[in-house]
Amino acid sequence: MLAAVTGVPFVAALIAWLVPGNRARLALLVGCSLVHLGFVASFWVSRPAPIGGEALALDDLGLLFLAITSAVFCLVSLYTPAYLRRKGQAATRTYVSCALALLGAMGLVASTRHFGVLWVAVEASTLASAPLIAHRVTPQKLEATWKYLMLCSLGVALALLGTFFLGLSASSAGAEMPDFTVAALQAAAPRLSVPWLKGAFVLLLVGYGTKMGLAPLHSWLPDAYSEAPSPASALFSGALSNCAFLGILRTLGLLESAGLGPFGHRLLIALGLLSLGVAAAFTFGQRDLKRMLAYSSVENYGILAFGVGIGGLGAYGSLLHAVNHSLAKTLLFLVAGNILLLYGTRAVGALRGIGRGTPWTGALFALGIFAVAGFPPFGSFLSELTILRAALSAGHGGLAAIYLVLLGAVFVGTAGIALSALQGEPAARPSGAGTESASILVSPLLLALGVLALGLAIPAPLDRILQGATRILGG
């Protein structure tokens, strides 16, 4: 059954390319996402057997990110038909096929414990996701697509070099033919060459950090997130970024096994705080709603890196924050899609009175802003607080203070834009914009309920998976 999380989407992608008709392709997109979610849900009850050693093997860390990917993709797929119909756009074979191929690649990232297969899957996700940015090509979309391809391909190339360095570190330990599985490398960790292993981590951190969107490697991200259709932007922020993060976490786990955890922690803390600082600087004065959300994503990727860098309880908080951020940011990008449908613009200066003119969209937008900013009782408050507690408990009072100040700065910039859009007299809406129908509200509403529920209580099965994933990272 584990092969199905990759095989079914790739087969569906091929069928979507061959099947004519907009309606049939959309039905295939939604149907495949539901089937995929069903498979993943069954894995929480009974863990599937590995396939090909560790080429396909699901541990707690992989299951966590596989579940996030499948849930986000399903909710985005349920939203996509209404979005494209209201925009007057067709579900082209390129768009649907690439979206399904992206699901297959992301499923492979989460369900492998082999560094070589992981790299192939991350590269496949880059190639599959690029055409989503260029849907209904404009000069701006084309520029964003090429920027994304060039920079992320460079990053993935560095990650490949880092994977080779892992092999060299294993060869130095006496292995004639290095085994790139997580289990084999961790078993040999005490004997791995320290210089080669440190070099591998740096290259993999820079490579996968570029794909993730950590500063200063994030320059592709604001353009790609803002120019892609809103459902694609939601997939990028809520699911695709986690694939690169998982690559970093796998490498950090190996570093911990070799007794070099502090080396990796220091680099992650530095990149995490730098990402928070860049987001704080660039959030202010944004004139495009989706670019503002993009910089909010850079902030949250920084939180993830900072929490893992603190280690222990901080790693638990970071993994929990990965869940909360995926739900909250997917919610906000889908709501941004609703705003574009209802008001015909994403320019901040032209948006006024959303709370009065379109109350459901305004309420969901406000909830999303509070959720992503870490306000109680949303789940992101709990995860950010957990990371703060971990930093203080570890004696990093200065880092904790910087963390809090930067979080506050990003919130001020984001809240200012949000309040200006929500308050005042409703802006004029274009003729034929339509109403707030259930088809564009159900997915955002479910996401809002999800991130709210995680702030009230962490379900026992999720807590067990989070604890198991934390132990993999040495926590």
Protein backbone atom coordinates (compact mmCIF):
# COMPACT_ATOMS: atom_id res chain seq x y z
CA MET A 1 0.00 0.00 0.00
CA LEU A 2 2.92 2.36 0.58
CA ALA A 3 3.68 2.40 -3.14
CA ALA A 4 0.18 3.74 -3.75
CA VAL A 5 0.94 7.16 -2.23
CA THR A 6 3.37 7.73 -5.09
CA GLY A 7 2.09 5.38 -7.77
CA VAL A 8 -1.58 6.41 -7.78
CA PRO A 9 -0.88 10.17 -8.29
CA PHE A 10 1.63 9.50 -11.08
CA VAL A 11 -0.81 7.19 -12.87
CA ALA A 12 -3.56 9.78 -12.40
CA ALA A 13 -1.23 12.44 -13.82
CA LEU A 14 -0.77 10.36 -16.97
CA ILE A 15 -4.51 9.79 -17.29
CA ALA A 16 -5.17 13.52 -16.81
CA TRP A 17 -2.82 14.24 -19.69
CA LEU A 18 -4.66 11.80 -21.96
CA VAL A 19 -8.25 12.45 -20.94
CA PRO A 20 -9.99 15.29 -22.82
CA GLY A 21 -12.39 17.62 -21.08
CA ASN A 22 -12.14 20.10 -18.24
CA ARG A 23 -14.74 18.37 -16.06
CA ALA A 24 -13.14 14.93 -16.32
CA ARG A 25 -9.72 16.26 -15.36
CA LEU A 26 -11.09 18.11 -12.33
CA ALA A 27 -13.01 15.02 -11.23
CA LEU A 28 -9.79 13.04 -11.50
CA LEU A 29 -7.91 15.64 -9.43
CA VAL A 30 -10.47 15.58 -6.63
CA GLY A 31 -10.94 11.81 -6.76
CA CYS A 32 -7.22 11.09 -6.60
CA SER A 33 -6.75 13.46 -3.67
CA LEU A 34 -9.52 11.72 -1.72
CA VAL A 35 -8.11 8.26 -2.45
CA HIS A 36 -4.64 9.44 -1.45
CA LEU A 37 -5.96 10.84 1.83
CA GLY A 38 -7.72 7.54 2.49
CA PHE A 39 -4.47 5.61 2.07
CA VAL A 40 -2.60 7.97 4.36
CA ALA A 41 -5.32 7.82 7.01
CA SER A 42 -5.05 4.02 7.03
CA PHE A 43 -1.32 4.31 7.79
CA TRP A 44 -2.18 5.91 11.15
CA VAL A 45 -4.01 2.70 12.05
CA SER A 46 -1.59 0.16 10.54
CA ARG A 47 1.90 1.17 9.41
CA PRO A 48 2.66 -0.24 5.92
CA ALA A 49 5.53 -2.64 5.37
CA PRO A 50 8.73 -1.22 3.81
CA ILE A 51 9.40 -1.79 0.12
CA GLY A 52 12.89 -2.26 -1.27
CA GLY A 53 14.65 -1.95 2.06
CA GLU A 54 14.35 1.73 2.94
CA ALA A 55 13.64 2.98 -0.57
CA LEU A 56 10.03 3.15 0.62
CA ALA A 57 9.80 3.05 4.40
CA LEU A 58 7.58 5.17 6.63
CA ASP A 59 8.72 6.25 10.08
CA ASP A 60 7.02 8.75 12.39
CA LEU A 61 8.80 11.71 10.78
CA GLY A 62 7.76 10.66 7.29
CA LEU A 63 4.19 9.88 8.33
CA LEU A 64 3.79 13.32 9.89
CA PHE A 65 4.80 15.13 6.71
CA LEU A 66 2.93 12.69 4.47
CA ALA A 67 -0.27 13.41 6.42
CA ILE A 68 0.24 17.18 6.14
CA THR A 69 0.85 16.87 2.39
CA SER A 70 -2.18 14.69 1.73
CA ALA A 71 -4.59 16.77 3.85
CA VAL A 72 -3.46 20.08 2.33
CA PHE A 73 -3.57 18.70 -1.21
CA CYS A 74 -7.08 17.28 -0.69
CA LEU A 75 -8.52 20.54 0.64
CA VAL A 76 -6.84 22.57 -2.10
CA SER A 77 -8.17 20.14 -4.73
CA LEU A 78 -11.71 20.52 -3.40
CA TYR A 79 -11.33 24.30 -3.75
CA THR A 80 -9.68 24.32 -7.19
CA PRO A 81 -12.71 23.58 -9.46
CA ALA A 82 -14.71 26.50 -8.10
CA TYR A 83 -11.71 28.82 -8.25
CA LEU A 84 -10.90 28.02 -11.87
CA ARG A 85 -14.56 28.22 -12.89
CA ARG A 86 -15.04 31.62 -11.24
CA LYS A 87 -11.81 32.86 -12.86
CA GLY A 88 -13.06 31.68 -16.25
CA GLN A 89 -10.05 29.40 -16.58
CA ALA A 90 -9.87 25.82 -17.81
CA ALA A 91 -8.26 22.99 -15.88
CA THR A 92 -5.64 22.42 -18.56
CA ARG A 93 -3.97 19.06 -18.93
CA THR A 94 -0.66 20.67 -17.96
CA TYR A 95 -2.02 22.15 -14.74
CA VAL A 96 -3.86 19.05 -13.53
CA SER A 97 -1.18 16.58 -14.63
CA CYS A 98 1.56 18.60 -12.95
CA ALA A 99 -0.47 19.00 -9.77
CA LEU A 100 -0.98 15.24 -9.55
CA ALA A 101 2.67 14.55 -10.37
CA LEU A 102 3.60 16.99 -7.62
CA LEU A 103 1.47 14.99 -5.17
CA GLY A 104 3.30 11.83 -6.21
CA ALA A 105 6.73 13.46 -5.80
CA MET A 106 5.85 14.91 -2.39
CA GLY A 107 4.53 11.52 -1.30
CA LEU A 108 7.83 9.94 -2.32
CA VAL A 109 9.81 12.53 -0.32
CA ALA A 110 7.86 11.67 2.82
CA SER A 111 7.85 7.90 2.36
CA THR A 112 11.53 7.25 1.67
CA ARG A 113 14.42 6.77 4.07
CA HIS A 114 17.06 6.75 1.35
CA PHE A 115 19.03 9.96 0.75
CA GLY A 116 19.40 9.26 -2.98
CA VAL A 117 15.68 8.63 -3.51
CA LEU A 118 14.92 11.68 -1.39
CA TRP A 119 17.02 13.86 -3.67
CA VAL A 120 15.34 12.47 -6.81
CA ALA A 121 11.91 13.10 -5.29
CA VAL A 122 12.75 16.70 -4.32
CA GLU A 123 14.04 17.39 -7.84
CA ALA A 124 10.89 15.82 -9.31
CA SER A 125 8.76 18.08 -7.12
CA THR A 126 10.62 21.11 -8.51
CA LEU A 127 10.00 20.11 -12.12
CA ALA A 128 6.35 19.21 -11.46
CA SER A 129 5.55 22.43 -9.60
CA ALA A 130 7.14 24.95 -11.99
CA PRO A 131 4.34 24.80 -14.62
CA LEU A 132 1.80 25.59 -11.90
CA ILE A 133 3.34 29.06 -11.50
CA ALA A 134 3.10 29.72 -15.25
CA HIS A 135 -0.58 28.74 -15.57
CA ARG A 136 -2.08 31.20 -18.09
CA VAL A 137 1.31 32.67 -18.95
CA THR A 138 2.05 36.37 -18.51
CA PRO A 139 5.49 38.02 -18.58
CA GLN A 140 5.44 38.27 -14.78
CA LYS A 141 4.50 34.61 -14.37
CA LEU A 142 7.16 33.53 -16.84
CA GLU A 143 9.83 35.52 -15.02
CA ALA A 144 8.75 34.05 -11.66
CA THR A 145 8.80 30.52 -13.11
CA TRP A 146 12.31 30.84 -14.53
CA LYS A 147 13.56 32.40 -11.31
CA TYR A 148 12.06 29.52 -9.36
CA LEU A 149 13.56 26.91 -11.68
CA MET A 150 17.01 28.45 -11.82
CA LEU A 151 17.46 29.10 -8.10
CA CYS A 152 15.80 25.92 -6.84
CA SER A 153 17.67 23.80 -9.39
CA LEU A 154 20.90 25.37 -8.18
CA GLY A 155 19.89 24.55 -4.63
CA VAL A 156 18.99 20.97 -5.49
CA ALA A 157 22.32 20.63 -7.32
CA LEU A 158 24.11 21.66 -4.12
CA ALA A 159 22.01 19.09 -2.26
CA LEU A 160 23.19 16.45 -4.73
CA LEU A 161 26.78 17.42 -4.03
CA GLY A 162 25.99 17.14 -0.32
CA THR A 163 24.60 13.64 -0.91
CA PHE A 164 27.89 12.72 -2.61
CA PHE A 165 29.71 14.07 0.44
CA LEU A 166 27.65 11.69 2.58
CA GLY A 167 28.96 8.86 0.42
CA LEU A 168 32.52 10.08 0.85
CA SER A 169 32.07 10.25 4.61
CA ALA A 170 30.86 6.64 4.56
CA SER A 171 33.72 5.54 2.30
CA SER A 172 36.15 7.04 4.78
CA ALA A 173 34.53 4.79 7.39
CA GLY A 174 35.56 1.72 5.40
CA ALA A 175 32.49 1.08 3.23
CA GLU A 176 33.48 0.17 -0.34
CA MET A 177 29.99 0.89 -1.69
CA PRO A 178 28.25 3.45 0.54
CA ASP A 179 24.68 2.65 1.49
CA PHE A 180 22.64 5.85 1.37
CA THR A 181 19.82 4.59 3.60
CA VAL A 182 19.15 6.41 6.84
CA ALA A 183 19.53 3.23 8.92
CA ALA A 184 22.88 2.24 7.40
CA LEU A 185 24.38 5.71 7.73
CA GLN A 186 23.17 6.10 11.31
CA ALA A 187 24.64 2.69 12.21
CA ALA A 188 27.98 3.82 10.79
CA ALA A 189 27.66 7.36 12.19
CA PRO A 190 30.40 7.07 14.87
CA ARG A 191 32.87 6.06 12.14
CA LEU A 192 31.89 8.62 9.50
CA SER A 193 34.50 11.17 8.46
CA VAL A 194 33.73 14.33 10.42
CA PRO A 195 34.96 16.87 7.80
CA TRP A 196 33.04 15.18 4.97
CA LEU A 197 29.92 14.85 7.13
CA LYS A 198 30.03 18.51 8.18
CA GLY A 199 30.51 19.51 4.54
CA ALA A 200 27.58 17.32 3.54
CA PHE A 201 25.32 18.98 6.12
CA VAL A 202 26.28 22.49 5.01
CA LEU A 203 25.63 21.68 1.35
CA LEU A 204 22.35 19.92 2.10
CA LEU A 205 21.23 22.74 4.38
CA VAL A 206 22.01 25.37 1.74
CA GLY A 207 20.55 23.26 -1.07
CA TYR A 208 17.32 22.22 0.59
CA GLY A 209 17.15 25.56 2.41
CA THR A 210 17.00 27.27 -0.98
CA LYS A 211 14.09 25.06 -2.01
CA MET A 212 12.40 25.63 1.35
CA GLY A 213 12.78 29.41 1.21
CA LEU A 214 15.08 30.15 4.15
CA ALA A 215 16.76 33.57 3.99
CA PRO A 216 19.04 34.60 2.38
CA LEU A 217 18.16 31.88 -0.15
CA HIS A 218 14.53 32.93 -0.54
CA SER A 219 14.62 35.45 -3.41
CA TRP A 220 12.55 33.24 -5.74
CA LEU A 221 9.78 32.79 -3.19
CA PRO A 222 7.87 36.13 -3.15
CA ASP A 223 7.61 36.14 -6.96
CA ALA A 224 6.55 32.49 -7.24
CA TYR A 225 4.00 32.64 -4.42
CA SER A 226 2.44 35.87 -5.67
CA GLU A 227 2.28 34.97 -9.38
CA ALA A 228 1.03 31.38 -9.05
CA PRO A 229 -2.74 30.77 -8.96
CA SER A 230 -3.94 30.85 -5.36
CA PRO A 231 -4.51 27.06 -5.12
CA ALA A 232 -0.93 26.50 -6.34
CA SER A 233 0.40 29.10 -3.88
CA ALA A 234 -1.38 27.21 -1.11
CA LEU A 235 0.32 23.97 -2.18
CA PHE A 236 3.72 25.66 -2.31
CA SER A 237 3.47 27.11 1.19
CA GLY A 238 1.41 24.41 2.89
CA ALA A 239 3.01 21.27 1.46
CA LEU A 240 5.92 21.68 -0.97
CA SER A 241 8.16 23.64 1.41
CA ASN A 242 7.87 20.81 3.93
CA CYS A 243 9.59 18.44 1.49
CA ALA A 244 12.80 20.45 1.61
CA PHE A 245 12.46 20.84 5.37
CA LEU A 246 12.22 17.06 5.69
CA GLY A 247 15.47 16.71 3.73
CA ILE A 248 17.18 19.00 6.25
CA LEU A 249 15.70 17.07 9.17
CA ARG A 250 16.90 13.71 7.80
CA THR A 251 20.43 15.09 7.58
CA LEU A 252 20.24 16.63 11.05
CA GLY A 253 19.20 13.24 12.46
CA LEU A 254 22.33 11.72 10.96
CA LEU A 255 24.45 14.53 12.40
CA GLU A 256 22.97 13.83 15.84
CA SER A 257 23.85 10.13 15.54
CA ALA A 258 27.45 11.12 14.79
CA GLY A 259 27.61 13.35 17.87
CA LEU A 260 27.77 16.54 15.79
CA GLY A 261 24.34 17.89 16.69
CA PRO A 262 25.58 21.24 18.10
CA PHE A 263 27.23 22.06 14.76
CA GLY A 264 23.94 21.68 12.92
CA HIS A 265 21.94 23.42 15.64
CA ARG A 266 24.05 26.57 15.45
CA LEU A 267 23.59 26.84 11.68
CA LEU A 268 19.84 26.29 11.91
CA ILE A 269 19.44 28.89 14.66
CA ALA A 270 21.39 31.43 12.58
CA LEU A 271 19.34 30.81 9.42
CA GLY A 272 16.12 30.77 11.42
CA LEU A 273 16.71 34.15 13.02
CA LEU A 274 17.95 35.59 9.71
CA SER A 275 14.73 34.46 8.03
CA LEU A 276 12.68 36.08 10.78
CA GLY A 277 14.66 39.30 10.37
CA VAL A 278 14.24 39.39 6.59
CA ALA A 279 10.50 38.77 6.92
CA ALA A 280 10.21 41.53 9.51
CA ALA A 281 12.01 43.98 7.22
CA PHE A 282 10.10 43.20 4.03
CA THR A 283 6.59 42.70 5.41
CA PHE A 284 6.19 46.43 6.05
CA GLY A 285 4.95 48.42 3.08
CA GLN A 286 3.97 45.47 0.91
CA ARG A 287 1.48 46.49 -1.75
CA ASP A 288 0.52 43.00 -2.88
CA LEU A 289 -1.52 40.76 -0.58
CA LYS A 290 0.07 37.51 -1.76
CA ARG A 291 3.61 38.90 -1.51
CA MET A 292 2.83 39.81 2.09
CA LEU A 293 1.74 36.21 2.70
CA ALA A 294 4.93 35.01 0.98
CA TYR A 295 7.11 36.93 3.42
CA SER A 296 4.98 35.55 6.24
CA SER A 297 5.97 32.11 4.95
CA VAL A 298 9.65 33.10 5.12
CA GLU A 299 9.03 34.08 8.74
CA ASN A 300 7.46 30.75 9.57
CA TYR A 301 10.20 28.78 7.83
CA GLY A 302 12.55 30.68 10.10
CA ILE A 303 10.51 29.59 13.12
CA LEU A 304 10.78 25.96 11.98
CA ALA A 305 14.57 26.20 11.61
CA PHE A 306 14.98 28.05 14.91
CA GLY A 307 12.93 25.50 16.85
CA VAL A 308 14.83 22.53 15.44
CA GLY A 309 18.08 24.36 16.10
CA ILE A 310 17.17 24.76 19.78
CA GLY A 311 16.57 21.00 19.90
CA GLY A 312 14.68 18.81 22.37
CA LEU A 313 11.37 20.44 23.23
CA GLY A 314 12.12 23.02 20.55
CA ALA A 315 12.19 20.30 17.91
CA TYR A 316 8.79 19.06 19.12
CA GLY A 317 7.45 22.61 18.91
CA SER A 318 8.91 23.03 15.43
CA LEU A 319 7.25 19.88 14.14
CA LEU A 320 3.96 20.95 15.70
CA HIS A 321 4.42 24.36 14.09
CA ALA A 322 4.92 22.68 10.71
CA VAL A 323 1.39 21.30 11.08
CA ASN A 324 -0.09 24.59 12.26
CA HIS A 325 1.66 26.69 9.63
CA SER A 326 0.60 24.39 6.80
CA LEU A 327 -3.04 24.68 7.85
CA ALA A 328 -2.98 28.43 8.54
CA LYS A 329 -1.03 29.45 5.44
CA THR A 330 -3.11 27.21 3.16
CA LEU A 331 -6.16 28.90 4.66
CA LEU A 332 -4.77 32.37 3.95
CA PHE A 333 -3.78 31.65 0.36
CA LEU A 334 -7.21 30.20 -0.38
CA VAL A 335 -8.84 33.25 1.22
CA ALA A 336 -6.55 35.44 -0.90
CA GLY A 337 -7.97 33.55 -3.87
CA ASN A 338 -11.48 34.39 -2.69
CA ILE A 339 -10.54 38.06 -2.35
CA LEU A 340 -9.20 38.05 -5.90
CA LEU A 341 -12.40 36.41 -7.15
CA LEU A 342 -14.70 38.77 -5.28
CA TYR A 343 -12.79 42.06 -5.67
CA GLY A 344 -10.73 41.46 -8.79
CA THR A 345 -7.48 42.65 -7.21
CA ARG A 346 -4.84 41.66 -4.70
CA ALA A 347 -3.42 45.22 -4.45
CA VAL A 348 -3.46 46.18 -0.79
CA GLY A 349 -4.31 49.82 -1.51
CA ALA A 350 -7.48 48.85 -3.39
CA LEU A 351 -8.84 46.51 -0.71
CA ARG A 352 -11.17 48.06 1.85
CA GLY A 353 -14.12 46.90 3.92
CA ILE A 354 -13.75 43.18 3.27
CA GLY A 355 -15.25 42.44 6.68
CA ARG A 356 -18.47 44.28 5.79
CA GLY A 357 -18.67 43.65 2.07
CA THR A 358 -17.99 39.90 2.19
CA PRO A 359 -18.39 38.85 5.84
CA TRP A 360 -17.46 35.17 5.49
CA THR A 361 -14.29 35.92 3.56
CA GLY A 362 -13.46 38.77 5.94
CA ALA A 363 -13.92 36.57 8.99
CA LEU A 364 -11.79 33.77 7.54
CA PHE A 365 -9.10 36.27 6.55
CA ALA A 366 -9.01 37.68 10.08
CA LEU A 367 -8.90 34.19 11.59
CA GLY A 368 -6.05 33.23 9.27
CA ILE A 369 -4.05 36.34 10.17
CA PHE A 370 -4.49 35.69 13.90
CA ALA A 371 -3.63 32.01 13.42
CA VAL A 372 -0.45 32.60 11.42
CA ALA A 373 0.61 35.34 13.86
CA GLY A 374 0.43 32.90 16.78
CA PHE A 375 -2.48 34.35 18.74
CA PRO A 376 -4.34 32.17 21.26
CA PRO A 377 -6.33 29.98 21.05
CA PHE A 378 -4.90 28.90 17.67
CA GLY A 379 -2.46 26.02 17.36
CA SER A 380 0.38 28.24 16.18
CA PHE A 381 0.32 30.02 19.55
CA LEU A 382 0.98 26.71 21.30
CA SER A 383 3.80 25.72 18.94
CA GLU A 384 5.52 29.12 19.06
CA LEU A 385 5.19 29.16 22.85
CA THR A 386 6.70 25.66 23.03
CA ILE A 387 9.73 26.84 21.04
CA LEU A 388 10.09 29.88 23.29
CA ARG A 389 9.95 27.69 26.41
CA ALA A 390 12.59 25.40 24.91
CA ALA A 391 14.92 28.34 24.22
CA LEU A 392 14.54 29.67 27.76
CA SER A 393 14.96 26.21 29.31
CA ALA A 394 18.16 25.70 27.33
CA GLY A 395 19.58 28.95 28.68
CA HIS A 396 19.24 30.89 25.41
CA GLY A 397 17.59 33.95 26.92
CA GLY A 398 19.16 36.33 24.41
CA LEU A 399 18.06 34.25 21.44
CA ALA A 400 14.57 33.98 22.92
CA ALA A 401 14.38 37.77 23.20
CA ILE A 402 15.44 38.24 19.57
CA TYR A 403 12.89 35.59 18.55
CA LEU A 404 10.09 37.44 20.36
CA VAL A 405 11.04 40.86 18.99
CA LEU A 406 11.14 39.60 15.40
CA LEU A 407 7.83 37.77 15.79
CA GLY A 408 6.29 40.98 17.07
CA ALA A 409 7.71 43.02 14.20
CA VAL A 410 6.30 40.66 11.58
CA PHE A 411 2.91 40.70 13.29
CA VAL A 412 2.80 44.50 13.32
CA GLY A 413 3.55 44.64 9.60
CA THR A 414 1.06 41.91 8.73
CA ALA A 415 -1.68 43.21 11.01
CA GLY A 416 -1.41 46.71 9.56
CA ILE A 417 -2.07 45.42 6.06
CA ALA A 418 -4.86 43.12 7.26
CA LEU A 419 -6.65 45.82 9.24
CA SER A 420 -6.58 48.27 6.33
CA ALA A 421 -8.18 45.61 4.12
CA LEU A 422 -10.82 44.58 6.65
CA GLN A 423 -11.97 48.01 7.84
CA GLY A 424 -13.71 50.93 6.20
CA GLU A 425 -16.37 51.19 3.56
CA PRO A 426 -16.49 48.16 1.25
CA ALA A 427 -14.50 48.62 -1.93
CA ALA A 428 -16.35 48.56 -5.23
CA ARG A 429 -16.58 45.06 -6.66
CA PRO A 430 -16.36 44.29 -10.37
CA SER A 431 -19.57 43.35 -12.14
CA GLY A 432 -20.11 39.60 -12.34
CA ALA A 433 -17.81 38.91 -9.37
CA GLY A 434 -20.40 36.62 -7.85
CA THR A 435 -21.18 35.89 -4.22
CA GLU A 436 -19.56 34.00 -1.36
CA SER A 437 -20.66 30.52 -2.31
CA ALA A 438 -20.06 27.37 -0.29
CA SER A 439 -17.75 26.04 -3.01
CA ILE A 440 -15.09 28.64 -2.19
CA LEU A 441 -15.67 28.70 1.57
CA VAL A 442 -15.75 25.05 2.66
CA SER A 443 -12.02 24.32 2.38
CA PRO A 444 -10.91 27.56 4.12
CA LEU A 445 -13.47 26.95 6.86
CA LEU A 446 -12.23 23.40 7.49
CA LEU A 447 -8.65 24.68 7.65
CA ALA A 448 -9.63 27.38 10.14
CA LEU A 449 -11.38 24.82 12.32
CA GLY A 450 -8.34 22.56 12.14
CA VAL A 451 -5.80 25.14 13.29
CA LEU A 452 -8.23 26.28 16.01
CA ALA A 453 -8.74 22.70 17.25
CA LEU A 454 -4.97 22.17 17.51
CA GLY A 455 -4.80 25.18 19.82
CA LEU A 456 -7.36 23.68 22.16
CA ALA A 457 -5.97 20.14 22.35
CA ILE A 458 -3.38 18.02 20.55
CA PRO A 459 -4.99 14.67 19.65
CA ALA A 460 -3.24 11.70 21.28
CA PRO A 461 -2.32 10.02 17.94
CA LEU A 462 -0.73 13.24 16.69
CA ASP A 463 1.14 13.71 19.95
CA ARG A 464 2.58 10.17 19.69
CA ILE A 465 3.75 10.80 16.13
CA LEU A 466 5.27 14.16 17.12
CA GLN A 467 7.14 12.57 20.01
CA GLY A 468 8.39 9.74 17.79
CA ALA A 469 9.54 12.21 15.14
CA THR A 470 11.31 14.29 17.81
CA ARG A 471 13.22 11.22 18.99
CA ILE A 472 14.41 10.64 15.41
CA LEU A 473 15.94 14.12 15.56
CA GLY A 474 17.72 13.28 18.80
CA GLY A 475 15.18 15.00 21.05
